[in-house]
Every structure is written in C-alpha cells, then in structure tokens.
Amino acid sequence: MAAMATSAAATPGSGVSAKLLAQGTTAKPIRVNTHGKTDVVVRQITIQPGGTTGWHYHDGRLVAVVVSGTLTHVDQSCTRRKYTARQSFLEPDGRRHVHVGSNRGRVPVVLMVTYINPEGKPLAVDAPAPACAKS
C-alpha cells in the first residue's frame, strides 16, 4: 500500500509581524509551575558599567536572557556566576534565593527578563546582603 502525502489546511497569516528581542540557551531544563492567578511581565533591564541591582529576591520566577555585556550574578551563598550574551538563566522564587546582579565590565549589560509572578506581587523585593557578602 502506498503512503499518501497529506497537507494541513492551514490558513495564511495576514497583517502580523514579529521582532526577535532576545534569544538565549540555558544550561539546565526550565520548569515553571504556578498556583492561582499569575502576572507575566517582560522588561528590558540595562545595568551600566559599575552598576548593581542591589541584593533582592523574587516572589515569582524569572527567565532572563543576556542580550549584551557580561552579568555577574552572586547568590545567597556568595557563589559567583557570569552570564554573557546569548546565555539565559532561571532565577528561583522565594526569600531563600537572595541574589545580586552587577556589571563589572566596560559596556552596559542588557537583559530581557520575563517575570512569572503571583498576581499583584512586586517584581523584586530588596533584601539585606547575606553574611558571606559582609565579610
């Protein structure tokens, strides 16, 4: 019996355009679960040379893509990671995941960040530096 090729009855798009804002690759799989209503927010964040986000945490999760520059990310155990252009990363939610991002380079760090947040919660909450950062 010969196999017959079939084609989908797709309807062509019209009047639609798209612009790629950022694309990156993560080192690990990404899983996101939410409970209840969820705000989804996308922001472009620029950190100037010598700039820092300050220590903070997120009530929700976020996925970030580094568009340009090198982001230095330090977590609550003072583990330091660097992310460069076309890399992406997931930040976990909750007060146990205090962290800071900084730009130690000579060009601005530009991030495209998607926040997946409990409805009405702030995108970031300021936090004191962990003990390991004070020594």
N, C-alpha and C. Protein backbone atom coordinates (compact mmCIF):
# COMPACT_ATOMS: atom_id res chain seq x y z
N MET A 1 0.84 -1.17 0.00
CA MET A 1 0.00 0.00 0.00
C MET A 1 0.90 1.24 0.00
N ALA A 2 0.65 2.15 -0.87
CA ALA A 2 1.45 3.36 -0.99
C ALA A 2 1.01 4.37 0.06
N ALA A 3 1.99 5.08 0.64
CA ALA A 3 1.67 6.12 1.63
C ALA A 3 1.26 7.37 0.87
N MET A 4 0.24 8.02 1.33
CA MET A 4 -0.24 9.23 0.68
C MET A 4 0.20 10.44 1.49
N ALA A 5 0.71 11.44 0.82
CA ALA A 5 1.09 12.68 1.49
C ALA A 5 -0.16 13.49 1.77
N THR A 6 -0.21 14.06 2.96
CA THR A 6 -1.34 14.92 3.30
C THR A 6 -0.82 16.30 3.63
N SER A 7 -1.63 17.28 3.42
CA SER A 7 -1.23 18.64 3.80
C SER A 7 -2.27 19.19 4.75
N ALA A 8 -1.80 19.97 5.68
CA ALA A 8 -2.70 20.59 6.65
C ALA A 8 -3.44 21.73 5.95
N ALA A 9 -4.64 21.95 6.34
CA ALA A 9 -5.43 23.03 5.78
C ALA A 9 -5.18 24.30 6.59
N ALA A 10 -3.94 24.77 6.55
CA ALA A 10 -3.57 25.96 7.33
C ALA A 10 -4.08 27.21 6.65
N THR A 11 -4.43 28.17 7.48
CA THR A 11 -4.82 29.47 6.92
C THR A 11 -3.63 30.40 7.01
N PRO A 12 -3.34 31.11 5.92
CA PRO A 12 -2.18 32.01 5.95
C PRO A 12 -2.43 33.21 6.85
N GLY A 13 -1.36 33.68 7.49
CA GLY A 13 -1.46 34.86 8.34
C GLY A 13 -1.56 36.12 7.49
N SER A 14 -2.01 37.19 8.12
CA SER A 14 -2.13 38.46 7.42
C SER A 14 -2.01 39.60 8.42
N GLY A 15 -1.20 40.61 8.08
CA GLY A 15 -1.11 41.78 8.94
C GLY A 15 -0.41 41.54 10.27
N VAL A 16 0.46 40.55 10.34
CA VAL A 16 1.15 40.21 11.58
C VAL A 16 2.65 40.32 11.34
N SER A 17 3.36 40.89 12.32
CA SER A 17 4.81 40.92 12.24
C SER A 17 5.38 40.55 13.61
N ALA A 18 6.62 40.13 13.62
CA ALA A 18 7.29 39.77 14.87
C ALA A 18 8.72 40.27 14.83
N LYS A 19 9.23 40.63 15.98
CA LYS A 19 10.61 41.07 16.10
C LYS A 19 11.27 40.27 17.21
N LEU A 20 12.34 39.59 16.91
CA LEU A 20 13.07 38.84 17.91
C LEU A 20 13.79 39.83 18.82
N LEU A 21 13.48 39.80 20.10
CA LEU A 21 14.11 40.71 21.06
C LEU A 21 15.31 40.10 21.74
N ALA A 22 15.26 38.82 22.02
CA ALA A 22 16.37 38.15 22.68
C ALA A 22 16.22 36.66 22.51
N GLN A 23 17.35 35.97 22.47
CA GLN A 23 17.34 34.52 22.41
C GLN A 23 18.56 34.04 23.17
N GLY A 24 18.37 33.05 24.01
CA GLY A 24 19.48 32.51 24.78
C GLY A 24 19.27 31.04 25.06
N THR A 25 20.30 30.41 25.57
CA THR A 25 20.25 28.98 25.87
C THR A 25 20.59 28.79 27.34
N THR A 26 19.81 27.94 28.01
CA THR A 26 20.08 27.63 29.41
C THR A 26 20.95 26.39 29.53
N ALA A 27 21.64 26.28 30.64
CA ALA A 27 22.47 25.10 30.89
C ALA A 27 21.62 23.92 31.37
N LYS A 28 20.45 24.21 31.93
CA LYS A 28 19.59 23.17 32.50
C LYS A 28 18.17 23.35 31.99
N PRO A 29 17.33 22.30 32.08
CA PRO A 29 15.94 22.43 31.68
C PRO A 29 15.21 23.46 32.56
N ILE A 30 14.17 24.05 32.02
CA ILE A 30 13.37 25.03 32.76
C ILE A 30 11.99 24.43 33.01
N ARG A 31 11.57 24.47 34.27
CA ARG A 31 10.22 24.05 34.64
C ARG A 31 9.61 25.16 35.47
N VAL A 32 8.38 25.51 35.14
CA VAL A 32 7.70 26.58 35.87
C VAL A 32 6.30 26.10 36.22
N ASN A 33 5.96 26.15 37.50
CA ASN A 33 4.61 25.85 37.97
C ASN A 33 4.08 27.07 38.68
N THR A 34 2.81 27.35 38.49
CA THR A 34 2.19 28.47 39.19
C THR A 34 0.97 27.97 39.95
N HIS A 35 0.54 28.77 40.91
CA HIS A 35 -0.64 28.47 41.70
C HIS A 35 -1.49 29.73 41.73
N GLY A 36 -2.67 29.66 41.24
CA GLY A 36 -3.54 30.83 41.23
C GLY A 36 -3.22 31.77 40.09
N LYS A 37 -3.80 32.96 40.16
CA LYS A 37 -3.60 33.95 39.10
C LYS A 37 -2.14 34.36 39.04
N THR A 38 -1.66 34.60 37.83
CA THR A 38 -0.25 34.87 37.60
C THR A 38 -0.09 36.08 36.70
N ASP A 39 0.79 37.00 37.10
CA ASP A 39 1.17 38.12 36.25
C ASP A 39 2.39 37.69 35.44
N VAL A 40 2.36 37.97 34.14
CA VAL A 40 3.52 37.73 33.28
C VAL A 40 3.96 39.09 32.77
N VAL A 41 5.21 39.45 33.05
CA VAL A 41 5.75 40.77 32.72
C VAL A 41 7.06 40.57 31.98
N VAL A 42 7.27 41.34 30.92
CA VAL A 42 8.53 41.30 30.20
C VAL A 42 9.16 42.68 30.27
N ARG A 43 10.42 42.75 30.70
CA ARG A 43 11.13 44.04 30.81
C ARG A 43 12.52 43.94 30.21
N GLN A 44 12.98 45.05 29.67
CA GLN A 44 14.38 45.17 29.30
C GLN A 44 15.07 45.89 30.45
N ILE A 45 16.15 45.30 30.95
CA ILE A 45 16.88 45.89 32.07
C ILE A 45 18.30 46.19 31.59
N THR A 46 18.77 47.40 31.85
CA THR A 46 20.13 47.79 31.50
C THR A 46 20.89 48.13 32.77
N ILE A 47 22.06 47.53 32.93
CA ILE A 47 22.93 47.82 34.07
C ILE A 47 24.20 48.45 33.51
N GLN A 48 24.42 49.68 33.87
CA GLN A 48 25.58 50.41 33.38
C GLN A 48 26.87 49.85 34.00
N PRO A 49 28.03 50.07 33.36
CA PRO A 49 29.30 49.63 33.96
C PRO A 49 29.42 50.14 35.40
N GLY A 50 29.78 49.25 36.30
CA GLY A 50 29.88 49.60 37.71
C GLY A 50 28.56 49.53 38.45
N GLY A 51 27.46 49.30 37.75
CA GLY A 51 26.13 49.27 38.36
C GLY A 51 25.80 47.94 39.00
N THR A 52 24.80 47.96 39.86
CA THR A 52 24.37 46.76 40.58
C THR A 52 22.87 46.82 40.82
N THR A 53 22.24 45.66 40.90
CA THR A 53 20.81 45.60 41.20
C THR A 53 20.53 45.77 42.68
N GLY A 54 21.55 45.61 43.52
CA GLY A 54 21.32 45.53 44.96
C GLY A 54 20.82 44.13 45.29
N TRP A 55 21.01 43.72 46.52
CA TRP A 55 20.55 42.40 46.96
C TRP A 55 19.03 42.39 46.97
N HIS A 56 18.44 41.31 46.45
CA HIS A 56 16.98 41.22 46.37
C HIS A 56 16.57 39.76 46.15
N TYR A 57 15.27 39.52 46.17
CA TYR A 57 14.70 38.22 45.80
C TYR A 57 13.41 38.47 45.04
N HIS A 58 12.84 37.40 44.50
CA HIS A 58 11.61 37.49 43.73
C HIS A 58 10.56 36.57 44.34
N ASP A 59 9.33 37.05 44.42
CA ASP A 59 8.23 36.19 44.89
C ASP A 59 7.84 35.17 43.82
N GLY A 60 8.12 35.50 42.56
CA GLY A 60 7.85 34.59 41.45
C GLY A 60 9.15 34.15 40.83
N ARG A 61 9.04 33.52 39.68
CA ARG A 61 10.24 33.08 38.95
C ARG A 61 10.49 34.03 37.81
N LEU A 62 11.72 34.02 37.34
CA LEU A 62 12.01 34.79 36.14
C LEU A 62 12.98 34.06 35.26
N VAL A 63 12.84 34.34 33.97
CA VAL A 63 13.74 33.81 32.96
C VAL A 63 14.40 35.03 32.32
N ALA A 64 15.73 35.04 32.32
CA ALA A 64 16.47 36.18 31.78
C ALA A 64 17.34 35.73 30.62
N VAL A 65 17.47 36.61 29.64
CA VAL A 65 18.38 36.40 28.51
C VAL A 65 19.33 37.59 28.49
N VAL A 66 20.62 37.31 28.44
CA VAL A 66 21.61 38.38 28.33
C VAL A 66 21.72 38.74 26.85
N VAL A 67 21.37 39.99 26.55
CA VAL A 67 21.44 40.47 25.17
C VAL A 67 22.86 40.94 24.86
N SER A 68 23.46 41.67 25.81
CA SER A 68 24.83 42.14 25.61
C SER A 68 25.50 42.37 26.96
N GLY A 69 26.83 42.39 26.93
CA GLY A 69 27.59 42.59 28.16
C GLY A 69 27.77 41.29 28.92
N THR A 70 28.34 41.41 30.12
CA THR A 70 28.55 40.25 31.00
C THR A 70 27.96 40.57 32.36
N LEU A 71 26.98 39.77 32.77
CA LEU A 71 26.35 39.93 34.08
C LEU A 71 27.07 39.05 35.09
N THR A 72 27.46 39.65 36.22
CA THR A 72 27.99 38.87 37.34
C THR A 72 26.84 38.69 38.32
N HIS A 73 26.51 37.45 38.61
CA HIS A 73 25.37 37.09 39.46
C HIS A 73 25.91 36.39 40.70
N VAL A 74 25.58 36.89 41.88
CA VAL A 74 26.05 36.31 43.13
C VAL A 74 24.82 35.91 43.94
N ASP A 75 24.79 34.65 44.41
CA ASP A 75 23.63 34.18 45.16
C ASP A 75 23.86 34.25 46.67
N GLN A 76 22.90 33.74 47.43
CA GLN A 76 22.90 33.85 48.90
C GLN A 76 24.06 33.12 49.55
N SER A 77 24.70 32.19 48.85
CA SER A 77 25.87 31.51 49.40
C SER A 77 27.17 32.12 48.87
N CYS A 78 27.03 33.27 48.20
CA CYS A 78 28.15 34.01 47.59
C CYS A 78 28.81 33.25 46.46
N THR A 79 28.07 32.34 45.84
CA THR A 79 28.53 31.68 44.63
C THR A 79 28.38 32.66 43.48
N ARG A 80 29.45 32.85 42.76
CA ARG A 80 29.50 33.84 41.68
C ARG A 80 29.42 33.13 40.33
N ARG A 81 28.53 33.63 39.48
CA ARG A 81 28.41 33.11 38.12
C ARG A 81 28.44 34.29 37.15
N LYS A 82 28.98 34.05 35.98
CA LYS A 82 28.96 35.08 34.94
C LYS A 82 28.12 34.58 33.78
N TYR A 83 27.29 35.47 33.26
CA TYR A 83 26.45 35.18 32.11
C TYR A 83 26.78 36.19 31.02
N THR A 84 26.99 35.68 29.81
CA THR A 84 27.35 36.55 28.69
C THR A 84 26.25 36.52 27.63
N ALA A 85 26.43 37.33 26.61
CA ALA A 85 25.43 37.45 25.55
C ALA A 85 25.02 36.08 25.02
N ARG A 86 23.70 35.93 24.83
CA ARG A 86 23.04 34.73 24.32
C ARG A 86 22.94 33.60 25.35
N GLN A 87 23.31 33.88 26.60
CA GLN A 87 23.06 32.92 27.66
C GLN A 87 21.77 33.33 28.37
N SER A 88 21.07 32.35 28.88
CA SER A 88 19.87 32.65 29.66
C SER A 88 19.92 31.85 30.95
N PHE A 89 19.13 32.30 31.91
CA PHE A 89 19.12 31.63 33.21
C PHE A 89 17.77 31.82 33.87
N LEU A 90 17.48 30.95 34.80
CA LEU A 90 16.24 30.97 35.57
C LEU A 90 16.58 31.37 36.99
N GLU A 91 15.84 32.30 37.53
CA GLU A 91 16.01 32.63 38.95
C GLU A 91 14.85 32.03 39.72
N PRO A 92 15.16 31.27 40.76
CA PRO A 92 14.10 30.66 41.56
C PRO A 92 13.38 31.71 42.41
N ASP A 93 12.20 31.34 42.86
CA ASP A 93 11.42 32.26 43.68
C ASP A 93 11.69 32.04 45.16
N GLY A 94 11.34 33.03 45.94
CA GLY A 94 11.38 32.89 47.39
C GLY A 94 12.51 33.61 48.08
N ARG A 95 12.29 33.87 49.34
CA ARG A 95 13.23 34.63 50.16
C ARG A 95 14.55 33.89 50.40
N ARG A 96 14.56 32.59 50.19
CA ARG A 96 15.80 31.83 50.37
C ARG A 96 16.77 32.05 49.21
N HIS A 97 16.33 32.72 48.17
CA HIS A 97 17.16 32.89 46.97
C HIS A 97 17.53 34.36 46.76
N VAL A 98 18.13 34.94 47.78
CA VAL A 98 18.60 36.32 47.71
C VAL A 98 19.81 36.35 46.77
N HIS A 99 19.89 37.39 45.94
CA HIS A 99 20.99 37.48 44.99
C HIS A 99 21.20 38.93 44.57
N VAL A 100 22.30 39.16 43.87
CA VAL A 100 22.62 40.49 43.33
C VAL A 100 23.20 40.29 41.94
N GLY A 101 22.90 41.23 41.06
CA GLY A 101 23.49 41.23 39.73
C GLY A 101 24.31 42.49 39.57
N SER A 102 25.47 42.38 38.92
CA SER A 102 26.29 43.57 38.74
C SER A 102 26.98 43.53 37.38
N ASN A 103 27.44 44.70 36.99
CA ASN A 103 28.18 44.84 35.75
C ASN A 103 29.59 45.27 36.08
N ARG A 104 30.53 44.37 35.95
CA ARG A 104 31.94 44.68 36.23
C ARG A 104 32.71 44.97 34.95
N GLY A 105 31.98 45.05 33.84
CA GLY A 105 32.61 45.27 32.55
C GLY A 105 32.64 46.74 32.15
N ARG A 106 32.94 46.97 30.87
CA ARG A 106 33.07 48.33 30.35
C ARG A 106 31.92 48.75 29.46
N VAL A 107 31.01 47.81 29.17
CA VAL A 107 29.84 48.12 28.34
C VAL A 107 28.58 47.78 29.14
N PRO A 108 27.47 48.42 28.83
CA PRO A 108 26.24 48.11 29.55
C PRO A 108 25.83 46.64 29.41
N VAL A 109 25.27 46.09 30.47
CA VAL A 109 24.64 44.78 30.42
C VAL A 109 23.18 45.02 30.08
N VAL A 110 22.69 44.35 29.05
CA VAL A 110 21.29 44.46 28.67
C VAL A 110 20.66 43.08 28.82
N LEU A 111 19.58 43.03 29.59
CA LEU A 111 18.84 41.79 29.85
C LEU A 111 17.42 41.93 29.35
N MET A 112 16.87 40.87 28.81
CA MET A 112 15.43 40.77 28.56
C MET A 112 14.93 39.78 29.59
N VAL A 113 14.00 40.21 30.42
CA VAL A 113 13.57 39.39 31.56
C VAL A 113 12.07 39.17 31.50
N THR A 114 11.66 37.90 31.62
CA THR A 114 10.25 37.55 31.73
C THR A 114 9.99 37.12 33.16
N TYR A 115 9.11 37.84 33.84
CA TYR A 115 8.73 37.54 35.21
C TYR A 115 7.44 36.73 35.19
N ILE A 116 7.39 35.66 35.97
CA ILE A 116 6.20 34.85 36.14
C ILE A 116 5.89 34.93 37.62
N ASN A 117 4.95 35.80 37.95
CA ASN A 117 4.82 36.27 39.32
C ASN A 117 3.40 36.06 39.85
N PRO A 118 3.26 35.77 41.15
CA PRO A 118 1.91 35.74 41.72
C PRO A 118 1.23 37.09 41.48
N GLU A 119 -0.03 37.05 41.17
CA GLU A 119 -0.79 38.28 40.86
C GLU A 119 -0.58 39.36 41.91
N GLY A 120 -0.22 40.55 41.45
CA GLY A 120 -0.11 41.71 42.32
C GLY A 120 1.17 41.82 43.13
N LYS A 121 2.03 40.83 43.08
CA LYS A 121 3.27 40.89 43.85
C LYS A 121 4.30 41.77 43.13
N PRO A 122 5.22 42.39 43.89
CA PRO A 122 6.26 43.20 43.24
C PRO A 122 7.21 42.30 42.43
N LEU A 123 7.85 42.89 41.44
CA LEU A 123 8.78 42.12 40.61
C LEU A 123 10.04 41.75 41.36
N ALA A 124 10.44 42.56 42.33
CA ALA A 124 11.62 42.28 43.17
C ALA A 124 11.40 42.89 44.54
N VAL A 125 12.02 42.28 45.54
CA VAL A 125 11.93 42.76 46.91
C VAL A 125 13.36 42.95 47.43
N ASP A 126 13.69 44.15 47.90
CA ASP A 126 15.01 44.41 48.46
C ASP A 126 15.27 43.52 49.67
N ALA A 127 16.53 43.11 49.83
CA ALA A 127 16.90 42.23 50.94
C ALA A 127 18.29 42.60 51.43
N PRO A 128 18.57 42.32 52.70
CA PRO A 128 19.93 42.57 53.19
C PRO A 128 20.91 41.60 52.56
N ALA A 129 22.15 42.01 52.47
CA ALA A 129 23.21 41.13 51.96
C ALA A 129 23.38 39.95 52.91
N PRO A 130 23.63 38.76 52.38
CA PRO A 130 23.86 37.62 53.26
C PRO A 130 25.17 37.77 54.03
N ALA A 131 25.32 37.00 55.09
CA ALA A 131 26.51 37.11 55.95
C ALA A 131 27.80 36.93 55.17
N CYS A 132 27.82 36.03 54.19
CA CYS A 132 29.06 35.78 53.44
C CYS A 132 29.48 36.99 52.64
N ALA A 133 28.58 37.88 52.28
CA ALA A 133 28.91 39.07 51.48
C ALA A 133 29.44 40.20 52.36
N LYS A 134 29.22 40.10 53.67
CA LYS A 134 29.62 41.18 54.59
C LYS A 134 31.03 40.98 55.11
N SER A 135 31.60 39.80 54.84
CA SER A 135 32.93 39.55 55.38
C SER A 135 34.02 39.89 54.39
